[in-house]
PDB file of N, CA and C in Angstrom:
ATOM      1  N   MET A   1      -7.192  13.302  -7.397  1.00  0.00           N
ATOM      2  CA  MET A   1      -8.316  13.049  -8.522  1.00  0.00           C
ATOM      3  C   MET A   1      -9.764  12.459  -7.823  1.00  0.00           C
ATOM      4  N   PHE A   2      -9.068  11.479  -7.049  1.00  0.00           N
ATOM      5  CA  PHE A   2     -10.569  10.567  -6.603  1.00  0.00           C
ATOM      6  C   PHE A   2     -11.367  11.615  -5.413  1.00  0.00           C
ATOM      7  N   LEU A   3     -10.462  12.561  -4.769  1.00  0.00           N
ATOM      8  CA  LEU A   3     -11.313  13.265  -3.610  1.00  0.00           C
ATOM      9  C   LEU A   3     -12.198  14.089  -4.366  1.00  0.00           C
ATOM     10  N   ARG A   4     -11.505  14.817  -5.603  1.00  0.00           N
ATOM     11  CA  ARG A   4     -12.438  15.575  -6.325  1.00  0.00           C
ATOM     12  C   ARG A   4     -13.654  15.262  -6.737  1.00  0.00           C
ATOM     13  N   LEU A   5     -13.803  13.730  -7.410  1.00  0.00           N
ATOM     14  CA  LEU A   5     -14.860  13.043  -7.826  1.00  0.00           C
ATOM     15  C   LEU A   5     -15.593  12.935  -6.442  1.00  0.00           C
ATOM     16  N   ALA A   6     -15.590  12.681  -5.658  1.00  0.00           N
ATOM     17  CA  ALA A   6     -16.053  12.415  -4.560  1.00  0.00           C
ATOM     18  C   ALA A   6     -16.718  13.398  -3.975  1.00  0.00           C
ATOM     19  N   GLN A   7     -15.901  14.699  -4.304  1.00  0.00           N
ATOM     20  CA  GLN A   7     -16.786  15.966  -3.623  1.00  0.00           C
ATOM     21  C   GLN A   7     -17.806  16.155  -4.681  1.00  0.00           C
ATOM     22  N   GLN A   8     -17.378  16.394  -5.990  1.00  0.00           N
ATOM     23  CA  GLN A   8     -18.516  16.593  -7.157  1.00  0.00           C
ATOM     24  C   GLN A   8     -19.883  15.688  -6.958  1.00  0.00           C
ATOM     25  N   HIS A   9     -19.529  14.354  -6.585  1.00  0.00           N
ATOM     26  CA  HIS A   9     -20.708  13.199  -6.485  1.00  0.00           C
ATOM     27  C   HIS A   9     -21.580  14.276  -5.201  1.00  0.00           C
ATOM     28  N   GLN A  10     -20.974  14.229  -3.960  1.00  0.00           N
ATOM     29  CA  GLN A  10     -21.772  14.919  -3.042  1.00  0.00           C
ATOM     30  C   GLN A  10     -22.531  16.221  -3.469  1.00  0.00           C
ATOM     31  N   GLU A  11     -21.859  17.023  -4.052  1.00  0.00           N
ATOM     32  CA  GLU A  11     -22.551  17.988  -4.733  1.00  0.00           C
ATOM     33  C   GLU A  11     -23.604  17.873  -5.636  1.00  0.00           C
ATOM     34  N   PHE A  12     -23.524  16.913  -6.415  1.00  0.00           N
ATOM     35  CA  PHE A  12     -24.709  16.442  -7.550  1.00  0.00           C
ATOM     36  C   PHE A  12     -25.699  15.866  -6.468  1.00  0.00           C
ATOM     37  N   VAL A  13     -25.499  15.091  -5.109  1.00  0.00           N
ATOM     38  CA  VAL A  13     -26.292  14.547  -4.676  1.00  0.00           C
ATOM     39  C   VAL A  13     -27.238  15.797  -3.948  1.00  0.00           C
ATOM     40  N   GLN A  14     -26.520  16.673  -3.291  1.00  0.00           N
ATOM     41  CA  GLN A  14     -27.280  17.808  -2.943  1.00  0.00           C
ATOM     42  C   GLN A  14     -28.106  18.571  -3.920  1.00  0.00           C
ATOM     43  N   ASP A  15     -27.519  18.753  -5.293  1.00  0.00           N
ATOM     44  CA  ASP A  15     -28.599  19.275  -6.235  1.00  0.00           C
ATOM     45  C   ASP A  15     -29.603  18.499  -6.341  1.00  0.00           C
ATOM     46  N   LEU A  16     -29.617  17.325  -6.631  1.00  0.00           N
ATOM     47  CA  LEU A  16     -30.560  16.620  -6.724  1.00  0.00           C
ATOM     48  C   LEU A  16     -31.578  16.671  -5.827  1.00  0.00           C
ATOM     49  N   VAL A  17     -31.446  16.598  -4.214  1.00  0.00           N
ATOM     50  CA  VAL A  17     -32.083  16.403  -3.308  1.00  0.00           C
ATOM     51  C   VAL A  17     -32.927  17.986  -3.330  1.00  0.00           C
ATOM     52  N   MET A  18     -32.156  18.998  -3.288  1.00  0.00           N
ATOM     53  CA  MET A  18     -32.850  20.415  -3.551  1.00  0.00           C
ATOM     54  C   MET A  18     -33.918  20.261  -4.658  1.00  0.00           C
ATOM     55  N   ASN A  19     -33.559  19.792  -5.710  1.00  0.00           N
ATOM     56  CA  ASN A  19     -34.616  19.509  -6.834  1.00  0.00           C
ATOM     57  C   ASN A  19     -35.736  18.731  -6.564  1.00  0.00           C
ATOM     58  N   LEU A  20     -35.613  17.938  -5.927  1.00  0.00           N
ATOM     59  CA  LEU A  20     -36.701  17.078  -5.374  1.00  0.00           C
ATOM     60  C   LEU A  20     -37.584  17.662  -4.400  1.00  0.00           C
ATOM     61  N   GLN A  21     -37.017  18.554  -3.562  1.00  0.00           N
ATOM     62  CA  GLN A  21     -37.833  19.476  -2.926  1.00  0.00           C
ATOM     63  C   GLN A  21     -38.499  20.237  -3.665  1.00  0.00           C
ATOM     64  N   ALA A  22     -38.161  20.925  -4.170  1.00  0.00           N
ATOM     65  CA  ALA A  22     -38.795  21.774  -5.449  1.00  0.00           C
ATOM     66  C   ALA A  22     -39.977  21.351  -6.068  1.00  0.00           C
ATOM     67  N   LEU A  23     -39.744  19.948  -6.771  1.00  0.00           N
ATOM     68  CA  LEU A  23     -40.634  19.215  -7.321  1.00  0.00           C
ATOM     69  C   LEU A  23     -41.709  19.041  -6.697  1.00  0.00           C
ATOM     70  N   THR A  24     -41.655  18.634  -5.078  1.00  0.00           N
ATOM     71  CA  THR A  24     -42.573  18.164  -4.456  1.00  0.00           C
ATOM     72  C   THR A  24     -43.415  19.381  -3.929  1.00  0.00           C
ATOM     73  N   ILE A  25     -43.056  20.654  -3.543  1.00  0.00           N
ATOM     74  CA  ILE A  25     -43.782  21.611  -3.419  1.00  0.00           C
ATOM     75  C   ILE A  25     -44.915  21.827  -4.889  1.00  0.00           C
ATOM     76  N   ILE A  26     -44.145  21.811  -5.968  1.00  0.00           N
ATOM     77  CA  ILE A  26     -45.008  22.076  -6.967  1.00  0.00           C
ATOM     78  C   ILE A  26     -46.021  21.010  -7.387  1.00  0.00           C
ATOM     79  N   LEU A  27     -45.940  19.921  -6.857  1.00  0.00           N
ATOM     80  CA  LEU A  27     -46.765  18.798  -7.321  1.00  0.00           C
ATOM     81  C   LEU A  27     -47.848  19.063  -6.226  1.00  0.00           C
ATOM     82  N   GLU A  28     -47.324  19.393  -4.967  1.00  0.00           N
ATOM     83  CA  GLU A  28     -48.579  19.601  -4.035  1.00  0.00           C
ATOM     84  C   GLU A  28     -49.599  20.770  -4.177  1.00  0.00           C
ATOM     85  N   ARG A  29     -48.793  22.108  -4.875  1.00  0.00           N
ATOM     86  CA  ARG A  29     -49.920  23.103  -5.042  1.00  0.00           C
ATOM     87  C   ARG A  29     -50.489  22.673  -6.410  1.00  0.00           C
ATOM     88  N   ARG A  30     -50.154  21.691  -7.020  1.00  0.00           N
ATOM     89  CA  ARG A  30     -51.113  20.897  -8.285  1.00  0.00           C
ATOM     90  C   ARG A  30     -52.258  20.097  -7.742  1.00  0.00           C
ATOM     91  N   GLY A  31     -52.409  19.660  -6.463  1.00  0.00           N
ATOM     92  CA  GLY A  31     -52.971  18.986  -5.821  1.00  0.00           C
ATOM     93  C   GLY A  31     -52.393  17.609  -5.679  1.00  0.00           C
ATOM     94  N   TYR A  32     -51.276  17.034  -5.961  1.00  0.00           N
ATOM     95  CA  TYR A  32     -50.812  15.799  -5.863  1.00  0.00           C
ATOM     96  C   TYR A  32     -50.223  15.533  -4.495  1.00  0.00           C
ATOM     97  N   SER A  33     -50.584  14.095  -3.819  1.00  0.00           N
ATOM     98  CA  SER A  33     -50.012  13.819  -2.622  1.00  0.00           C
ATOM     99  C   SER A  33     -48.621  13.534  -3.195  1.00  0.00           C
ATOM    100  N   ALA A  34     -47.690  14.342  -2.361  1.00  0.00           N
ATOM    101  CA  ALA A  34     -46.203  14.189  -2.885  1.00  0.00           C
ATOM    102  C   ALA A  34     -45.496  14.609  -1.421  1.00  0.00           C
ATOM    103  N   SER A  35     -44.539  13.841  -1.177  1.00  0.00           N
ATOM    104  CA  SER A  35     -43.576  13.928  -0.317  1.00  0.00           C
ATOM    105  C   SER A  35     -42.182  13.740  -0.599  1.00  0.00           C
ATOM    106  N   CYS A  36     -41.191  14.559   0.441  1.00  0.00           N
ATOM    107  CA  CYS A  36     -39.652  14.348   0.223  1.00  0.00           C
ATOM    108  C   CYS A  36     -39.369  14.386   1.537  1.00  0.00           C
ATOM    109  N   TYR A  37     -38.479  13.317   1.869  1.00  0.00           N
ATOM    110  CA  TYR A  37     -38.162  13.073   3.356  1.00  0.00           C
ATOM    111  C   TYR A  37     -36.599  13.116   3.024  1.00  0.00           C
ATOM    112  N   THR A  38     -35.673  14.103   3.771  1.00  0.00           N
ATOM    113  CA  THR A  38     -34.337  13.956   4.142  1.00  0.00           C
ATOM    114  C   THR A  38     -33.973  13.729   5.758  1.00  0.00           C
ATOM    115  N   CYS A  39     -32.365  13.016   5.182  1.00  0.00           N
ATOM    116  CA  CYS A  39     -31.968  13.117   6.935  1.00  0.00           C
ATOM    117  C   CYS A  39     -30.836  14.123   7.228  1.00  0.00           C
ATOM    118  N   GLY A  40     -31.409  14.898   8.077  1.00  0.00           N
ATOM    119  CA  GLY A  40     -30.781  15.927   8.610  1.00  0.00           C
ATOM    120  C   GLY A  40     -30.499  17.006   7.663  1.00  0.00           C
ATOM    121  N   ASN A  41     -29.916  18.160   7.900  1.00  0.00           N
ATOM    122  CA  ASN A  41     -29.483  19.339   6.996  1.00  0.00           C
ATOM    123  C   ASN A  41     -28.529  19.410   5.874  1.00  0.00           C
ATOM    124  N   GLN A  42     -27.922  18.104   6.025  1.00  0.00           N
ATOM    125  CA  GLN A  42     -26.782  17.960   4.808  1.00  0.00           C
ATOM    126  C   GLN A  42     -27.075  17.672   3.717  1.00  0.00           C
ATOM    127  N   MET A  43     -28.175  17.023   3.634  1.00  0.00           N
ATOM    128  CA  MET A  43     -29.056  16.671   2.342  1.00  0.00           C
ATOM    129  C   MET A  43     -28.108  16.031   1.431  1.00  0.00           C
ATOM    130  N   LYS A  44     -27.789  14.749   2.224  1.00  0.00           N
ATOM    131  CA  LYS A  44     -26.722  13.688   1.559  1.00  0.00           C
ATOM    132  C   LYS A  44     -27.735  12.599   1.126  1.00  0.00           C
ATOM    133  N   SER A  45     -29.247  12.902   1.144  1.00  0.00           N
ATOM    134  CA  SER A  45     -30.087  11.517   0.948  1.00  0.00           C
ATOM    135  C   SER A  45     -31.598  12.079   0.520  1.00  0.00           C
ATOM    136  N   ALA A  46     -32.374  11.365  -0.116  1.00  0.00           N
ATOM    137  CA  ALA A  46     -33.783  12.143   0.118  1.00  0.00           C
ATOM    138  C   ALA A  46     -34.408  10.883  -0.474  1.00  0.00           C
ATOM    139  N   SER A  47     -35.688  10.611  -0.163  1.00  0.00           N
ATOM    140  CA  SER A  47     -37.070   9.626  -0.376  1.00  0.00           C
ATOM    141  C   SER A  47     -37.660  10.477  -1.086  1.00  0.00           C
ATOM    142  N   PHE A  48     -38.195  10.671  -2.187  1.00  0.00           N
ATOM    143  CA  PHE A  48     -39.231  11.323  -2.902  1.00  0.00           C
ATOM    144  C   PHE A  48     -40.528  10.199  -3.349  1.00  0.00           C
ATOM    145  N   MET A  49     -41.514  10.729  -2.987  1.00  0.00           N
ATOM    146  CA  MET A  49     -42.671   9.740  -3.337  1.00  0.00           C
ATOM    147  C   MET A  49     -44.092  10.855  -3.970  1.00  0.00           C
ATOM    148  N   VAL A  50     -44.731  10.377  -5.058  1.00  0.00           N
ATOM    149  CA  VAL A  50     -45.980  11.182  -5.510  1.00  0.00           C
ATOM    150  C   VAL A  50     -47.024   9.778  -5.739  1.00  0.00           C
ATOM    151  N   SER A  51     -47.897  10.069  -5.636  1.00  0.00           N
ATOM    152  CA  SER A  51     -49.064   9.321  -5.628  1.00  0.00           C
ATOM    153  C   SER A  51     -49.992  10.217  -6.825  1.00  0.00           C
ATOM    154  N   LEU A  52     -49.753   9.346  -8.053  1.00  0.00           N
ATOM    155  CA  LEU A  52     -50.250   9.807  -9.427  1.00  0.00           C
ATOM    156  C   LEU A  52     -51.760   9.506  -9.651  1.00  0.00           C
ATOM    157  N   ARG A  53     -52.340   8.443  -9.192  1.00  0.00           N
ATOM    158  CA  ARG A  53     -53.606   8.149  -9.017  1.00  0.00           C
ATOM    159  C   ARG A  53     -53.760   6.877  -8.015  1.00  0.00           C
ATOM    160  N   GLU A  54     -54.855   6.703  -7.711  1.00  0.00           N
ATOM    161  CA  GLU A  54     -55.298   5.579  -6.709  1.00  0.00           C
ATOM    162  C   GLU A  54     -54.368   4.453  -6.648  1.00  0.00           C
ATOM    163  N   LYS A  55     -53.730   3.833  -5.942  1.00  0.00           N
ATOM    164  CA  LYS A  55     -52.867   2.601  -6.112  1.00  0.00           C
ATOM    165  C   LYS A  55     -51.536   2.925  -7.200  1.00  0.00           C
ATOM    166  N   HIS A  56     -51.404   4.288  -7.515  1.00  0.00           N
ATOM    167  CA  HIS A  56     -50.344   4.309  -8.212  1.00  0.00           C
ATOM    168  C   HIS A  56     -49.232   5.448  -8.124  1.00  0.00           C
ATOM    169  N   LEU A  57     -48.116   4.702  -7.522  1.00  0.00           N
ATOM    170  CA  LEU A  57     -46.927   5.565  -6.692  1.00  0.00           C
ATOM    171  C   LEU A  57     -45.624   5.593  -7.536  1.00  0.00           C
ATOM    172  N   ILE A  58     -45.180   6.409  -7.062  1.00  0.00           N
ATOM    173  CA  ILE A  58     -43.774   6.751  -7.910  1.00  0.00           C
ATOM    174  C   ILE A  58     -42.770   7.115  -6.903  1.00  0.00           C
ATOM    175  N   ARG A  59     -41.648   6.281  -6.388  1.00  0.00           N
ATOM    176  CA  ARG A  59     -40.907   6.621  -5.584  1.00  0.00           C
ATOM    177  C   ARG A  59     -39.204   6.575  -5.994  1.00  0.00           C
ATOM    178  N   PHE A  60     -38.820   7.705  -5.885  1.00  0.00           N
ATOM    179  CA  PHE A  60     -37.409   7.871  -6.271  1.00  0.00           C
ATOM    180  C   PHE A  60     -36.528   8.538  -5.068  1.00  0.00           C
ATOM    181  N   VAL A  61     -35.264   7.417  -4.852  1.00  0.00           N
ATOM    182  CA  VAL A  61     -34.711   7.649  -3.957  1.00  0.00           C
ATOM    183  C   VAL A  61     -33.231   8.080  -4.359  1.00  0.00           C
ATOM    184  N   VAL A  62     -32.494   8.806  -3.571  1.00  0.00           N
ATOM    185  CA  VAL A  62     -31.314   9.316  -3.996  1.00  0.00           C
ATOM    186  C   VAL A  62     -30.325   9.168  -2.832  1.00  0.00           C
ATOM    187  N   SER A  63     -29.283   8.593  -2.633  1.00  0.00           N
ATOM    188  CA  SER A  63     -28.376   9.043  -1.679  1.00  0.00           C
ATOM    189  C   SER A  63     -26.731   8.834  -2.180  1.00  0.00           C
ATOM    190  N   ASP A  64     -25.662   8.940  -1.386  1.00  0.00           N
ATOM    191  CA  ASP A  64     -24.453   8.693  -1.935  1.00  0.00           C
ATOM    192  C   ASP A  64     -24.289   7.289  -2.255  1.00  0.00           C
ATOM    193  N   TYR A  65     -25.019   6.235  -2.136  1.00  0.00           N
ATOM    194  CA  TYR A  65     -24.840   4.814  -2.244  1.00  0.00           C
ATOM    195  C   TYR A  65     -25.699   4.679  -3.956  1.00  0.00           C
ATOM    196  N   GLY A  66     -26.276   5.359  -4.360  1.00  0.00           N
ATOM    197  CA  GLY A  66     -27.060   5.316  -5.495  1.00  0.00           C
ATOM    198  C   GLY A  66     -28.516   6.080  -5.807  1.00  0.00           C
ATOM    199  N   ILE A  67     -28.653   5.869  -6.996  1.00  0.00           N
ATOM    200  CA  ILE A  67     -30.240   6.493  -7.002  1.00  0.00           C
ATOM    201  C   ILE A  67     -31.082   5.325  -7.915  1.00  0.00           C
ATOM    202  N   THR A  68     -32.227   5.447  -7.350  1.00  0.00           N
ATOM    203  CA  THR A  68     -33.278   4.403  -7.780  1.00  0.00           C
ATOM    204  C   THR A  68     -34.801   5.201  -7.913  1.00  0.00           C
ATOM    205  N   TRP A  69     -35.419   4.833  -9.159  1.00  0.00           N
ATOM    206  CA  TRP A  69     -37.162   5.005  -9.397  1.00  0.00           C
ATOM    207  C   TRP A  69     -37.420   3.870  -9.292  1.00  0.00           C
ATOM    208  N   MET A  70     -38.539   3.630  -8.797  1.00  0.00           N
ATOM    209  CA  MET A  70     -39.560   2.642  -8.372  1.00  0.00           C
ATOM    210  C   MET A  70     -40.701   3.283  -8.852  1.00  0.00           C
ATOM    211  N   GLU A  71     -41.579   2.278  -9.732  1.00  0.00           N
ATOM    212  CA  GLU A  71     -43.087   2.779  -9.934  1.00  0.00           C
ATOM    213  C   GLU A  71     -43.745   1.773  -9.559  1.00  0.00           C
ATOM    214  N   LEU A  72     -45.007   2.058  -8.608  1.00  0.00           N
ATOM    215  CA  LEU A  72     -45.860   1.019  -7.969  1.00  0.00           C
ATOM    216  C   LEU A  72     -46.923   0.841  -8.246  1.00  0.00           C
ATOM    217  N   TRP A  73     -47.851  -0.308  -8.612  1.00  0.00           N
ATOM    218  CA  TRP A  73     -49.307  -0.251  -8.746  1.00  0.00           C
ATOM    219  C   TRP A  73     -49.764  -1.250  -7.881  1.00  0.00           C
ATOM    220  N   ASP A  74     -50.625  -0.777  -6.742  1.00  0.00           N
ATOM    221  CA  ASP A  74     -51.480  -1.503  -5.948  1.00  0.00           C
ATOM    222  C   ASP A  74     -50.213  -2.246  -5.303  1.00  0.00           C
ATOM    223  N   ASP A  75     -48.999  -1.343  -4.547  1.00  0.00           N
ATOM    224  CA  ASP A  75     -48.117  -2.065  -3.852  1.00  0.00           C
ATOM    225  C   ASP A  75     -47.336  -3.047  -4.657  1.00  0.00           C
ATOM    226  N   ARG A  76     -47.137  -3.215  -5.871  1.00  0.00           N
ATOM    227  CA  ARG A  76     -46.691  -4.352  -6.561  1.00  0.00           C
ATOM    228  C   ARG A  76     -45.430  -3.201  -7.818  1.00  0.00           C
ATOM    229  N   GLU A  77     -44.324  -3.806  -7.526  1.00  0.00           N
ATOM    230  CA  GLU A  77     -43.257  -3.037  -8.829  1.00  0.00           C
ATOM    231  C   GLU A  77     -43.523  -3.331  -9.760  1.00  0.00           C
ATOM    232  N   LEU A  78     -43.739  -2.109 -10.683  1.00  0.00           N
ATOM    233  CA  LEU A  78     -43.970  -2.340 -12.069  1.00  0.00           C
ATOM    234  C   LEU A  78     -42.819  -1.852 -12.736  1.00  0.00           C
ATOM    235  N   MET A  79     -41.923  -0.801 -12.383  1.00  0.00           N
ATOM    236  CA  MET A  79     -40.502  -0.857 -12.907  1.00  0.00           C
ATOM    237  C   MET A  79     -39.522  -0.339 -11.889  1.00  0.00           C
ATOM    238  N   LYS A  80     -38.459  -0.806 -12.223  1.00  0.00           N
ATOM    239  CA  LYS A  80     -37.230  -0.161 -11.401  1.00  0.00           C
ATOM    240  C   LYS A  80     -36.063   0.217 -12.118  1.00  0.00           C
ATOM    241  N   LEU A  81     -35.666   1.424 -12.233  1.00  0.00           N
ATOM    242  CA  LEU A  81     -34.601   2.192 -12.771  1.00  0.00           C
ATOM    243  C   LEU A  81     -33.331   2.626 -11.928  1.00  0.00           C
ATOM    244  N   GLU A  82     -32.303   2.382 -11.962  1.00  0.00           N
ATOM    245  CA  GLU A  82     -31.252   3.107 -11.490  1.00  0.00           C
ATOM    246  C   GLU A  82     -30.286   3.869 -12.141  1.00  0.00           C
ATOM    247  N   GLY A  83     -29.561   4.908 -11.420  1.00  0.00           N
ATOM    248  CA  GLY A  83     -28.560   5.780 -12.243  1.00  0.00           C
ATOM    249  C   GLY A  83     -29.195   6.834 -12.787  1.00  0.00           C
ATOM    250  N   ALA A  84     -28.721   6.861 -14.031  1.00  0.00           N
ATOM    251  CA  ALA A  84     -28.956   7.859 -15.522  1.00  0.00           C
ATOM    252  C   ALA A  84     -30.522   7.744 -15.578  1.00  0.00           C
ATOM    253  N   GLU A  85     -30.796   6.345 -15.695  1.00  0.00           N
ATOM    254  CA  GLU A  85     -32.181   6.084 -16.518  1.00  0.00           C
ATOM    255  C   GLU A  85     -33.041   6.335 -15.301  1.00  0.00           C
ATOM    256  N   ALA A  86     -32.829   6.277 -13.911  1.00  0.00           N
ATOM    257  CA  ALA A  86     -33.821   6.776 -12.927  1.00  0.00           C
ATOM    258  C   ALA A  86     -33.865   8.361 -13.031  1.00  0.00           C
ATOM    259  N   ILE A  87     -32.869   8.894 -13.270  1.00  0.00           N
ATOM    260  CA  ILE A  87     -32.756  10.449 -13.361  1.00  0.00           C
ATOM    261  C   ILE A  87     -33.778  10.998 -14.609  1.00  0.00           C
ATOM    262  N   LYS A  88     -33.451  10.001 -15.763  1.00  0.00           N
ATOM    263  CA  LYS A  88     -34.257  10.657 -17.322  1.00  0.00           C
ATOM    264  C   LYS A  88     -35.676  10.383 -16.743  1.00  0.00           C
ATOM    265  N   GLN A  89     -36.051   9.453 -15.955  1.00  0.00           N
ATOM    266  CA  GLN A  89     -37.617   9.272 -15.616  1.00  0.00           C
ATOM    267  C   GLN A  89     -38.278  10.097 -14.791  1.00  0.00           C
ATOM    268  N   LEU A  90     -37.494  10.524 -13.817  1.00  0.00           N
ATOM    269  CA  LEU A  90     -37.780  11.657 -13.106  1.00  0.00           C
ATOM    270  C   LEU A  90     -38.025  13.199 -13.985  1.00  0.00           C
ATOM    271  N   GLN A  91     -37.014  13.430 -14.917  1.00  0.00           N
ATOM    272  CA  GLN A  91     -37.409  14.643 -15.773  1.00  0.00           C
ATOM    273  C   GLN A  91     -38.727  14.351 -16.645  1.00  0.00           C
ATOM    274  N   GLU A  92     -38.855  12.865 -16.959  1.00  0.00           N
ATOM    275  CA  GLU A  92     -40.076  13.036 -17.846  1.00  0.00           C
ATOM    276  C   GLU A  92     -41.324  13.249 -16.994  1.00  0.00           C
ATOM    277  N   LEU A  93     -41.357  12.701 -15.654  1.00  0.00           N
ATOM    278  CA  LEU A  93     -42.106  13.125 -14.624  1.00  0.00           C
ATOM    279  C   LEU A  93     -42.315  14.640 -14.591  1.00  0.00           C
ATOM    280  N   ALA A  94     -41.315  15.489 -14.334  1.00  0.00           N
ATOM    281  CA  ALA A  94     -40.822  16.682 -14.180  1.00  0.00           C
ATOM    282  C   ALA A  94     -41.738  17.545 -15.426  1.00  0.00           C
ATOM    283  N   ASN A  95     -41.413  16.988 -16.667  1.00  0.00           N
ATOM    284  CA  ASN A  95     -41.961  17.533 -17.911  1.00  0.00           C
ATOM    285  C   ASN A  95     -43.569  17.262 -18.103  1.00  0.00           C
ATOM    286  N   ILE A  96     -43.887  16.130 -17.588  1.00  0.00           N
ATOM    287  CA  ILE A  96     -45.541  15.967 -17.582  1.00  0.00           C
ATOM    288  C   ILE A  96     -46.126  17.163 -16.810  1.00  0.00           C
ATOM    289  N   ILE A  97     -45.724  17.292 -15.463  1.00  0.00           N
ATOM    290  CA  ILE A  97     -46.289  18.244 -14.922  1.00  0.00           C
ATOM    291  C   ILE A  97     -45.737  19.697 -15.271  1.00  0.00           C
ATOM    292  N   LYS A  98     -44.894  19.941 -15.669  1.00  0.00           N
ATOM    293  CA  LYS A  98     -44.597  21.263 -16.402  1.00  0.00           C
ATOM    294  C   LYS A  98     -45.478  21.615 -17.344  1.00  0.00           C
ATOM    295  N   TYR A  99     -45.546  20.916 -18.302  1.00  0.00           N
ATOM    296  CA  TYR A  99     -46.020  21.420 -19.749  1.00  0.00           C
ATOM    297  C   TYR A  99     -47.673  20.798 -19.934  1.00  0.00           C
ATOM    298  N   SER A 100     -48.157  20.242 -18.759  1.00  0.00           N
ATOM    299  CA  SER A 100     -49.597  19.633 -18.691  1.00  0.00           C
ATOM    300  C   SER A 100     -50.127  20.148 -17.764  1.00  0.00           C
ATOM    301  N   HIS A 101     -50.875  21.387 -17.726  1.00  0.00           N
ATOM    302  CA  HIS A 101     -51.683  21.996 -16.864  1.00  0.00           C
ATOM    303  C   HIS A 101     -53.099  21.391 -16.628  1.00  0.00           C
ATOM    304  N   THR A 102     -53.493  20.900 -18.020  1.00  0.00           N
ATOM    305  CA  THR A 102     -54.836  20.379 -17.891  1.00  0.00           C
ATOM    306  C   THR A 102     -54.957  18.855 -17.484  1.00  0.00           C
ATOM    307  N   ILE A 103     -53.922  18.182 -17.270  1.00  0.00           N
ATOM    308  CA  ILE A 103     -54.036  16.902 -16.945  1.00  0.00           C
ATOM    309  C   ILE A 103     -54.049  16.572 -15.373  1.00  0.00           C
ATOM    310  N   GLN A 104     -55.151  15.731 -15.233  1.00  0.00           N
ATOM    311  CA  GLN A 104     -55.611  15.539 -13.689  1.00  0.00           C
ATOM    312  C   GLN A 104     -55.280  14.140 -13.405  1.00  0.00           C
ATOM    313  N   LEU A 105     -54.322  13.838 -12.892  1.00  0.00           N
ATOM    314  CA  LEU A 105     -53.613  12.280 -12.558  1.00  0.00           C
ATOM    315  C   LEU A 105     -54.255  11.872 -11.320  1.00  0.00           C
ATOM    316  N   THR A 106     -54.779  12.909 -10.290  1.00  0.00           N
ATOM    317  CA  THR A 106     -54.936  12.353  -8.939  1.00  0.00           C
ATOM    318  C   THR A 106     -56.570  11.794  -9.298  1.00  0.00           C
ATOM    319  N   THR A 107     -56.934  11.169  -8.183  1.00  0.00           N
ATOM    320  CA  THR A 107     -58.595  10.971  -8.343  1.00  0.00           C
ATOM    321  C   THR A 107     -59.322  11.561  -6.840  1.00  0.00           C
TER     322      THR A 107
END
């Protein structure tokens, strides 16, 4: 049972990394400064960052060890979420980008 759960978790992390890479491409096409870095080709972890405005940065980190959402303003941490709450916040960001073609968050 535990080996199956470990495999499912690894697949979940890989799916999340692929979605972060896709979100990065969409954000860049819409004029945002975004990046998604992974280690190697196995897609076991990623660090995703997007600048929403000057001094306003979102950082999302996923790995086998956990999932973290950090929102920074002027290099100060405004909010830090982990696990399911971090993923929900990422979905909120994706929804804003998906449904709001007129919002200009970058300066």
